[in-house]
């Protein structure tokens, strides 16, 4: 990578695809690093816009619009943190405009397709759940019978629990197929073996082809029907050291299999009695404030590293050297009551709780909360650190009790 002096860095112009909750950490880091930021999001009320020098109300999936904007703004880099599909768009746009980018368009495409990942993992011998590619209800029913119940039915090109269902019995397969195909960008879906074990996230960064594992966190998830929705990321993982090492090994193999040699990666790993298997890998930062947690507990500025990789700045070895800042930490997500948001209170009291390093509220008054079904249904997050992981979780729970989301039932509003 090419080094840039501080003056050049201060003048650098960066296009960030997304200004929602998943992009807040990187956008705040870009402001901290003195960048000129153009943020793109189709939601005029996206919370990350407050960190941008310029906001563009454009969908993060509008590739031609993003390319025109990048060219007109003469940006020095394009980055898509926290969400999958725009990663491939950012890589293609950067390639056509001659901009630096940590991954190639080919690798970015692999990272945004669960099906193509599965094929790459199989070719490289990366452990993964058994799966079958299907195009309809009959094929899915046969695949589910073959793999056994419970099984997972999912869209191959979505994230954040969109098009994802845990199927416990045969009579529920057809509705799960409908959900997956409705969300899928193609006419296919995946039926996968359900791995009964601990779900962890390996957040890493690659530089010069070398994979550097950073935080390995336990994903503490919600009860059904919110299958796969994380309520907390807790560090360090409670797994035994050898199992953590196994999770890191398969994450490194997955990153190599899809060709990530530079930049951040986010790998979900399923750890069962028989060993670790890769659920999926993304060539981006985690969307659940994983980078902020990394900085809080290990002192590694993962958001800053992602900015450096997007702008081709030099990355020094010491920037990737973890130094323990706390014995434990967590990101604990907030869930609001259903209804239209009127007011959020208790933030000052929550900030006063020991160990609280940050609180983010995702929505403004007027937003309508439904039932918790996907990651996007969460209302905010709390970052906490302490002497141990359990203590950090207790601090975060105490702070969460103090944050109050006042909502009004939507039904009562419709009768006004």
Protein backbone atom coordinates (compact mmCIF):
# COMPACT_ATOMS: atom_id res chain seq x y z
CA UNK A 1 0.00 0.00 0.00
CA UNK A 2 1.06 3.56 -0.61
CA UNK A 3 1.67 5.79 2.37
CA UNK A 4 -0.10 9.13 2.58
CA UNK A 5 1.04 12.03 4.73
CA UNK A 6 -1.39 13.60 7.21
CA UNK A 7 -2.18 16.53 4.94
CA UNK A 8 -3.12 14.20 2.12
CA UNK A 9 -5.20 12.11 4.47
CA UNK A 10 -7.10 15.13 5.72
CA UNK A 11 -8.04 16.02 2.15
CA UNK A 12 -9.05 12.48 1.16
CA UNK A 13 -12.61 12.09 -0.12
CA UNK A 14 -14.40 8.85 0.69
CA UNK A 15 -17.71 7.52 -0.61
CA UNK A 16 -19.47 5.36 1.99
CA UNK A 17 -22.28 3.08 0.81
CA UNK A 18 -24.86 3.15 3.57
CA UNK A 19 -25.61 5.48 6.47
CA UNK A 20 -27.66 3.13 8.61
CA UNK A 21 -26.87 1.47 11.95
CA UNK A 22 -24.34 -0.92 10.38
CA UNK A 23 -22.25 2.00 9.06
CA UNK A 24 -22.24 4.23 12.15
CA UNK A 25 -18.87 3.11 13.49
CA UNK A 26 -16.99 3.59 10.25
CA UNK A 27 -18.64 6.93 9.53
CA UNK A 28 -17.71 8.18 13.00
CA UNK A 29 -14.15 6.93 12.46
CA UNK A 30 -13.96 8.72 9.10
CA UNK A 31 -14.91 11.96 10.84
CA UNK A 32 -12.29 11.25 13.52
CA UNK A 33 -9.64 10.70 10.82
CA UNK A 34 -10.47 14.02 9.15
CA UNK A 35 -11.86 12.64 5.90
CA UNK A 36 -14.35 14.37 3.62
CA UNK A 37 -17.23 11.89 3.56
CA UNK A 38 -20.03 11.49 1.04
CA UNK A 39 -22.58 9.03 2.42
CA UNK A 40 -25.18 7.25 0.30
CA UNK A 41 -28.48 5.90 1.61
CA UNK A 42 -32.03 5.79 0.31
CA UNK A 43 -33.39 6.70 3.77
CA UNK A 44 -33.31 10.50 4.32
CA UNK A 45 -33.42 9.88 8.07
CA UNK A 46 -30.50 7.43 8.17
CA UNK A 47 -28.64 8.00 11.47
CA UNK A 48 -25.18 7.96 9.90
CA UNK A 49 -25.83 11.07 7.83
CA UNK A 50 -24.90 13.19 10.84
CA UNK A 51 -21.25 12.17 10.30
CA UNK A 52 -21.23 12.97 6.57
CA UNK A 53 -20.03 16.15 4.89
CA UNK A 54 -22.43 15.44 2.07
CA UNK A 55 -25.44 13.15 1.96
CA UNK A 56 -26.83 11.56 -1.19
CA UNK A 57 -30.33 10.05 -1.14
CA UNK A 58 -29.44 7.14 -3.40
CA UNK A 59 -29.98 3.41 -2.87
CA UNK A 60 -26.84 1.49 -1.94
CA UNK A 61 -27.86 -0.94 -4.70
CA UNK A 62 -28.05 1.72 -7.45
CA UNK A 63 -24.74 0.87 -9.09
CA UNK A 64 -24.94 3.33 -11.99
CA UNK A 65 -26.00 6.16 -9.67
CA UNK A 66 -23.16 5.37 -7.26
CA UNK A 67 -20.63 5.32 -10.08
CA UNK A 68 -21.80 8.68 -11.41
CA UNK A 69 -21.63 10.15 -7.90
CA UNK A 70 -18.15 8.75 -7.26
CA UNK A 71 -16.88 10.23 -10.50
CA UNK A 72 -18.51 13.60 -9.98
CA UNK A 73 -17.17 13.87 -6.42
CA UNK A 74 -13.65 12.76 -7.44
CA UNK A 75 -13.46 10.43 -4.47
CA UNK A 76 -10.27 8.63 -3.51
CA UNK A 77 -12.03 5.46 -2.41
CA UNK A 78 -15.35 3.65 -2.04
CA UNK A 79 -16.24 1.49 0.95
CA UNK A 80 -19.30 -0.58 1.88
CA UNK A 81 -19.15 -1.45 5.59
CA UNK A 82 -21.66 -3.55 7.47
CA UNK A 83 -23.89 -4.81 4.63
CA UNK A 84 -23.18 -7.44 1.98
CA UNK A 85 -24.58 -6.58 -1.45
CA UNK A 86 -22.96 -3.12 -1.80
CA UNK A 87 -19.52 -4.71 -1.20
CA UNK A 88 -19.58 -6.06 -4.76
CA UNK A 89 -20.88 -2.74 -6.09
CA UNK A 90 -18.07 -0.84 -4.35
CA UNK A 91 -15.45 -3.20 -5.81
CA UNK A 92 -16.81 -2.92 -9.36
CA UNK A 93 -17.18 0.85 -9.23
CA UNK A 94 -13.65 1.22 -7.85
CA UNK A 95 -12.30 -1.03 -10.59
CA UNK A 96 -13.97 0.92 -13.39
CA UNK A 97 -12.87 4.30 -11.99
CA UNK A 98 -9.30 3.18 -11.28
CA UNK A 99 -9.69 3.62 -7.52
CA UNK A 100 -7.98 1.49 -4.88
CA UNK A 101 -10.02 -1.26 -3.29
CA UNK A 102 -9.01 -4.04 -0.89
CA UNK A 103 -10.73 -6.86 -2.80
CA UNK A 104 -11.24 -7.62 -6.46
CA UNK A 105 -14.72 -7.59 -8.03
CA UNK A 106 -14.47 -11.39 -8.31
CA UNK A 107 -13.76 -11.84 -4.60
CA UNK A 108 -16.43 -9.29 -3.69
CA UNK A 109 -18.98 -11.22 -5.74
CA UNK A 110 -18.07 -14.43 -3.92
CA UNK A 111 -18.42 -12.70 -0.58
CA UNK A 112 -21.98 -11.59 -1.37
CA UNK A 113 -23.32 -14.96 -2.55
CA UNK A 114 -23.87 -17.73 -0.02
CA UNK A 115 -24.19 -20.24 -2.85
CA UNK A 116 -20.94 -19.30 -4.56
CA UNK A 117 -19.23 -19.31 -1.18
CA UNK A 118 -20.48 -22.81 -0.52
CA UNK A 119 -19.04 -23.93 -3.85
CA UNK A 120 -15.69 -22.24 -3.12
CA UNK A 121 -15.54 -23.77 0.36
CA UNK A 122 -16.28 -27.21 -1.05
CA UNK A 123 -13.51 -26.85 -3.64
CA UNK A 124 -11.02 -25.75 -0.96
CA UNK A 125 -12.08 -28.31 1.63
CA UNK A 126 -13.35 -25.72 4.12
CA UNK A 127 -15.68 -27.37 6.69
CA UNK A 128 -19.25 -26.17 6.28
CA UNK A 129 -22.84 -27.38 6.85
CA UNK A 130 -24.26 -29.80 4.30
CA UNK A 131 -26.49 -27.99 1.80
CA UNK A 132 -28.66 -28.47 -1.27
CA UNK A 133 -29.44 -25.86 -3.94
CA UNK A 134 -33.17 -25.81 -4.77
CA UNK A 135 -35.51 -23.92 -7.07
CA UNK A 136 -38.91 -24.71 -5.60
CA UNK A 137 -41.00 -26.30 -2.88
CA UNK A 138 -40.75 -29.89 -4.14
CA UNK A 139 -36.95 -29.82 -4.37
CA UNK A 140 -36.72 -28.10 -0.99
CA UNK A 141 -38.98 -30.69 0.65
CA UNK A 142 -36.83 -33.51 -0.71
CA UNK A 143 -33.65 -31.73 0.44
CA UNK A 144 -35.08 -31.18 3.92
CA UNK A 145 -36.01 -34.85 4.22
CA UNK A 146 -32.50 -35.81 3.14
CA UNK A 147 -30.72 -33.40 5.50
CA UNK A 148 -33.13 -33.96 8.38
CA UNK A 149 -35.09 -31.64 10.64
CA UNK A 150 -34.54 -29.05 11.89
CA UNK A 151 -32.95 -27.52 8.81
CA UNK A 152 -32.39 -24.00 7.53
CA UNK A 153 -34.02 -22.54 4.41
CA UNK A 154 -32.47 -19.32 3.15
CA UNK A 155 -32.13 -16.92 0.23
CA UNK A 156 -28.59 -17.28 -1.16
CA UNK A 157 -27.96 -13.55 -1.60
CA UNK A 158 -29.47 -11.79 1.41
CA UNK A 159 -28.29 -10.93 4.90
CA UNK A 160 -29.75 -9.79 8.19
CA UNK A 161 -32.18 -12.75 8.42
CA UNK A 162 -34.03 -11.73 5.25
CA UNK A 163 -35.40 -14.87 3.59
CA UNK A 164 -34.13 -17.05 6.46
CA UNK A 165 -36.21 -19.65 8.32
CA UNK A 166 -35.45 -22.48 10.73
CA UNK A 167 -37.75 -25.33 9.68
CA UNK A 168 -38.60 -27.76 12.47
CA UNK A 169 -40.99 -30.06 10.62
CA UNK A 170 -42.03 -30.99 7.09
CA UNK A 171 -45.34 -29.10 7.08
CA UNK A 172 -43.49 -25.79 7.53
CA UNK A 173 -41.19 -26.23 4.54
CA UNK A 174 -43.50 -24.74 1.91
CA UNK A 175 -43.95 -21.43 3.78
CA UNK A 176 -40.18 -21.21 4.39
CA UNK A 177 -39.56 -21.71 0.66
CA UNK A 178 -42.00 -18.91 -0.13
CA UNK A 179 -40.18 -16.57 2.28
CA UNK A 180 -36.78 -17.44 0.79
CA UNK A 181 -37.82 -17.09 -2.85
CA UNK A 182 -39.64 -13.83 -2.12
CA UNK A 183 -36.38 -12.38 -0.71
CA UNK A 184 -33.99 -14.00 -3.19
CA UNK A 185 -32.53 -11.97 -6.04
CA UNK A 186 -32.45 -15.19 -8.10
CA UNK A 187 -34.86 -18.06 -8.55
CA UNK A 188 -32.93 -20.30 -6.17
CA UNK A 189 -32.71 -21.00 -2.47
CA UNK A 190 -30.53 -23.05 -0.14
CA UNK A 191 -31.60 -25.78 2.24
CA UNK A 192 -28.89 -26.36 4.82
CA UNK A 193 -28.18 -28.66 7.68
CA UNK A 194 -28.84 -27.03 11.04
CA UNK A 195 -25.68 -27.26 13.14
CA UNK A 196 -26.46 -27.56 16.84
CA UNK A 197 -23.65 -25.77 18.63
CA UNK A 198 -22.14 -22.43 19.63
CA UNK A 199 -22.28 -19.61 17.08
CA UNK A 200 -19.25 -17.34 17.09
CA UNK A 201 -17.99 -14.47 14.97
CA UNK A 202 -14.35 -14.17 13.93
CA UNK A 203 -13.50 -10.57 13.09
CA UNK A 204 -10.20 -10.33 11.25
CA UNK A 205 -8.12 -8.19 8.95
CA UNK A 206 -5.87 -9.28 6.10
CA UNK A 207 -2.77 -7.37 5.06
CA UNK A 208 -0.30 -8.48 2.43
CA UNK A 209 -2.11 -11.81 2.16
CA UNK A 210 -1.78 -12.58 5.87
CA UNK A 211 -4.93 -13.10 7.94
CA UNK A 212 -4.89 -11.47 11.37
CA UNK A 213 -7.63 -12.78 13.71
CA UNK A 214 -8.85 -10.17 16.18
CA UNK A 215 -12.00 -10.65 18.25
CA UNK A 216 -13.75 -14.01 18.50
CA UNK A 217 -17.16 -13.29 20.01
CA UNK A 218 -20.12 -15.41 21.05
CA UNK A 219 -23.34 -14.48 19.26
CA UNK A 220 -26.13 -14.53 21.84
CA UNK A 221 -29.29 -14.82 19.77
CA UNK A 222 -33.01 -14.24 20.22
CA UNK A 223 -35.64 -16.91 20.65
CA UNK A 224 -37.82 -18.03 17.73
CA UNK A 225 -39.30 -16.69 15.55
CA UNK A 226 -36.33 -14.28 15.40
CA UNK A 227 -34.00 -17.04 14.21
CA UNK A 228 -30.39 -15.89 13.96
CA UNK A 229 -30.96 -12.35 15.29
CA UNK A 230 -28.12 -11.41 17.66
CA UNK A 231 -29.07 -9.78 20.94
CA UNK A 232 -25.43 -9.48 22.00
CA UNK A 233 -21.86 -10.07 20.87
CA UNK A 234 -19.80 -11.10 23.90
CA UNK A 235 -16.00 -11.18 24.18
CA UNK A 236 -14.09 -13.30 24.92
CA UNK A 237 -15.90 -16.40 23.75
CA UNK A 238 -16.71 -18.96 26.43
CA UNK A 239 -15.35 -21.75 24.23
CA UNK A 240 -12.28 -23.68 25.31
CA UNK A 241 -9.02 -22.33 23.82
CA UNK A 242 -8.64 -25.24 21.41
CA UNK A 243 -12.14 -24.71 20.06
CA UNK A 244 -11.48 -20.98 19.63
CA UNK A 245 -8.32 -21.93 17.73
CA UNK A 246 -10.40 -24.25 15.56
CA UNK A 247 -12.86 -21.45 14.79
CA UNK A 248 -9.98 -19.16 13.81
CA UNK A 249 -8.47 -21.85 11.59
CA UNK A 250 -11.66 -22.43 9.60
CA UNK A 251 -12.26 -18.66 9.34
CA UNK A 252 -8.76 -18.20 7.92
CA UNK A 253 -9.38 -21.02 5.44
CA UNK A 254 -12.70 -19.46 4.38
CA UNK A 255 -11.12 -16.04 3.87
CA UNK A 256 -8.41 -17.62 1.72
CA UNK A 257 -10.93 -19.70 -0.25
CA UNK A 258 -12.78 -16.63 -1.51
CA UNK A 259 -9.60 -14.64 -2.09
CA UNK A 260 -9.57 -11.97 0.62
CA UNK A 261 -5.93 -10.87 0.84
CA UNK A 262 -6.50 -7.29 2.00
CA UNK A 263 -9.02 -5.60 4.26
CA UNK A 264 -11.54 -6.62 6.91
CA UNK A 265 -13.47 -9.87 7.08
CA UNK A 266 -16.37 -11.07 9.16
CA UNK A 267 -16.86 -14.82 9.49
CA UNK A 268 -19.69 -16.62 11.26
CA UNK A 269 -18.58 -20.01 12.54
CA UNK A 270 -20.69 -22.81 13.96
CA UNK A 271 -18.84 -24.81 16.62
CA UNK A 272 -20.31 -28.23 17.40
CA UNK A 273 -18.95 -31.30 19.15
CA UNK A 274 -17.49 -32.62 15.90
CA UNK A 275 -15.65 -29.36 15.16
CA UNK A 276 -16.02 -25.92 13.62
CA UNK A 277 -17.82 -25.20 10.36
CA UNK A 278 -18.14 -21.95 8.45
CA UNK A 279 -21.61 -20.47 8.18
CA UNK A 280 -20.62 -17.53 5.97
CA UNK A 281 -17.86 -14.99 5.40
CA UNK A 282 -18.09 -11.35 4.34
CA UNK A 283 -15.37 -9.07 2.95
CA UNK A 284 -16.39 -6.20 5.19
CA UNK A 285 -16.71 -5.03 8.76
CA UNK A 286 -19.36 -6.65 10.92
CA UNK A 287 -22.63 -4.77 11.02
CA UNK A 288 -23.14 -5.11 14.76
CA UNK A 289 -20.50 -2.63 15.99
CA UNK A 290 -17.90 -5.40 15.97
CA UNK A 291 -15.15 -2.93 15.07
CA UNK A 292 -15.99 -0.66 17.99
CA UNK A 293 -15.88 -3.64 20.35
CA UNK A 294 -12.51 -4.64 18.90
CA UNK A 295 -11.09 -1.20 19.59
CA UNK A 296 -12.52 -1.15 23.12
CA UNK A 297 -11.13 -4.52 24.21
CA UNK A 298 -8.01 -4.99 22.09
CA UNK A 299 -6.98 -1.46 21.16
CA UNK A 300 -7.04 -2.28 17.43
CA UNK A 301 -8.81 0.40 15.38
CA UNK A 302 -10.56 -1.90 12.94
CA UNK A 303 -12.64 0.94 11.52
CA UNK A 304 -9.46 2.93 10.89
CA UNK A 305 -7.87 -0.08 9.21
CA UNK A 306 -10.90 -0.45 6.94
CA UNK A 307 -10.55 3.20 5.96
CA UNK A 308 -6.85 2.68 5.25
CA UNK A 309 -7.56 -0.34 3.03
CA UNK A 310 -10.20 1.61 1.09
CA UNK A 311 -7.84 4.52 0.43
CA UNK A 312 -4.58 2.53 -0.06
CA UNK A 313 -2.89 4.05 2.97
CA UNK A 314 0.06 2.26 4.48
CA UNK A 315 -0.79 -0.16 7.28
CA UNK A 316 1.97 -0.70 9.83
CA UNK A 317 2.33 -4.02 11.71
CA UNK A 318 1.79 -2.34 15.08
CA UNK A 319 -1.68 -1.23 13.98
CA UNK A 320 -2.66 -4.91 13.91
CA UNK A 321 -1.08 -5.86 17.24
CA UNK A 322 -3.74 -6.47 19.91
CA UNK A 323 -3.11 -5.04 23.37
CA UNK A 324 -5.72 -6.01 25.96
CA UNK A 325 -7.71 -2.98 27.14
CA UNK A 326 -10.26 -4.89 29.23
CA UNK A 327 -10.93 -8.39 30.51
CA UNK A 328 -14.27 -8.56 28.75
CA UNK A 329 -16.66 -6.59 26.61
CA UNK A 330 -19.91 -6.80 24.73
CA UNK A 331 -22.28 -5.13 22.32
CA UNK A 332 -25.78 -5.50 23.72
CA UNK A 333 -28.64 -4.64 21.35
CA UNK A 334 -31.77 -2.75 22.36
CA UNK A 335 -35.28 -3.85 21.43
CA UNK A 336 -38.19 -1.42 21.56
CA UNK A 337 -41.86 -2.21 22.23
CA UNK A 338 -43.98 -2.51 19.11
CA UNK A 339 -45.61 0.69 17.96
CA UNK A 340 -44.73 4.18 16.78
CA UNK A 341 -41.78 5.72 18.60
CA UNK A 342 -42.59 8.92 20.44
CA UNK A 343 -39.60 9.49 22.72
CA UNK A 344 -36.39 7.91 24.02
CA UNK A 345 -35.36 8.67 27.59
CA UNK A 346 -32.87 7.47 30.19
CA UNK A 347 -29.76 7.84 28.06
CA UNK A 348 -27.92 10.03 30.54
CA UNK A 349 -28.58 7.56 33.36
CA UNK A 350 -27.52 4.65 31.15
CA UNK A 351 -24.25 6.37 30.23
CA UNK A 352 -23.50 6.74 33.94
CA UNK A 353 -23.43 2.96 34.49
CA UNK A 354 -19.94 1.56 35.08
CA UNK A 355 -18.19 0.29 31.97
CA UNK A 356 -20.50 1.86 29.39
CA UNK A 357 -18.41 3.11 26.47
CA UNK A 358 -21.13 3.99 24.01
CA UNK A 359 -24.86 3.94 23.34
CA UNK A 360 -26.39 4.20 19.91
CA UNK A 361 -30.08 4.79 19.21
CA UNK A 362 -30.99 3.88 15.65
CA UNK A 363 -34.42 5.42 15.17
CA UNK A 364 -36.06 8.82 15.45
CA UNK A 365 -39.57 9.60 16.72
CA UNK A 366 -42.13 8.54 14.15
CA UNK A 367 -40.44 5.23 13.35
CA UNK A 368 -42.76 2.25 13.64
CA UNK A 369 -41.37 -0.82 15.37
CA UNK A 370 -42.81 -4.22 14.54
CA UNK A 371 -41.98 -7.57 16.12
CA UNK A 372 -38.32 -8.56 16.36
CA UNK A 373 -37.72 -10.72 13.27
CA UNK A 374 -34.49 -9.37 11.71
CA UNK A 375 -31.41 -7.47 12.73
CA UNK A 376 -32.91 -4.31 11.23
CA UNK A 377 -35.75 -4.49 13.80
CA UNK A 378 -33.36 -3.69 16.66
CA UNK A 379 -33.63 -0.22 18.20
CA UNK A 380 -30.05 0.48 19.25
CA UNK A 381 -26.95 -0.89 20.94
CA UNK A 382 -24.80 -0.50 24.04
CA UNK A 383 -21.04 -1.04 24.14
CA UNK A 384 -19.71 -2.09 27.55
CA UNK A 385 -16.35 -3.24 28.94
CA UNK A 386 -15.33 -4.64 32.33
CA UNK A 387 -12.93 -6.99 34.06
CA UNK A 388 -14.75 -10.01 32.63
CA UNK A 389 -17.22 -10.82 29.88
CA UNK A 390 -20.03 -11.62 32.35
CA UNK A 391 -19.47 -8.36 34.20
CA UNK A 392 -19.60 -6.43 30.92
CA UNK A 393 -22.90 -8.13 30.06
CA UNK A 394 -24.31 -7.21 33.47
CA UNK A 395 -23.29 -3.57 32.99
CA UNK A 396 -24.90 -3.54 29.53
CA UNK A 397 -28.10 -5.14 30.86
CA UNK A 398 -28.31 -2.54 33.63
CA UNK A 399 -27.86 0.29 31.14
CA UNK A 400 -30.45 -1.26 28.81
CA UNK A 401 -33.01 -1.27 31.62
CA UNK A 402 -32.55 2.48 31.95
CA UNK A 403 -33.10 3.28 28.25
CA UNK A 404 -36.82 3.67 27.67
CA UNK A 405 -38.45 3.64 24.23
CA UNK A 406 -41.88 5.21 24.54
CA UNK A 407 -44.16 3.92 21.78
CA UNK A 408 -47.81 4.25 20.90
CA UNK A 409 -49.72 1.30 19.45
CA UNK A 410 -50.15 1.80 15.71
CA UNK A 411 -53.80 0.68 15.91
CA UNK A 412 -54.66 3.60 18.19
CA UNK A 413 -53.05 6.06 15.79
CA UNK A 414 -55.07 4.76 12.86
CA UNK A 415 -58.30 5.60 14.69
CA UNK A 416 -57.29 9.17 15.47
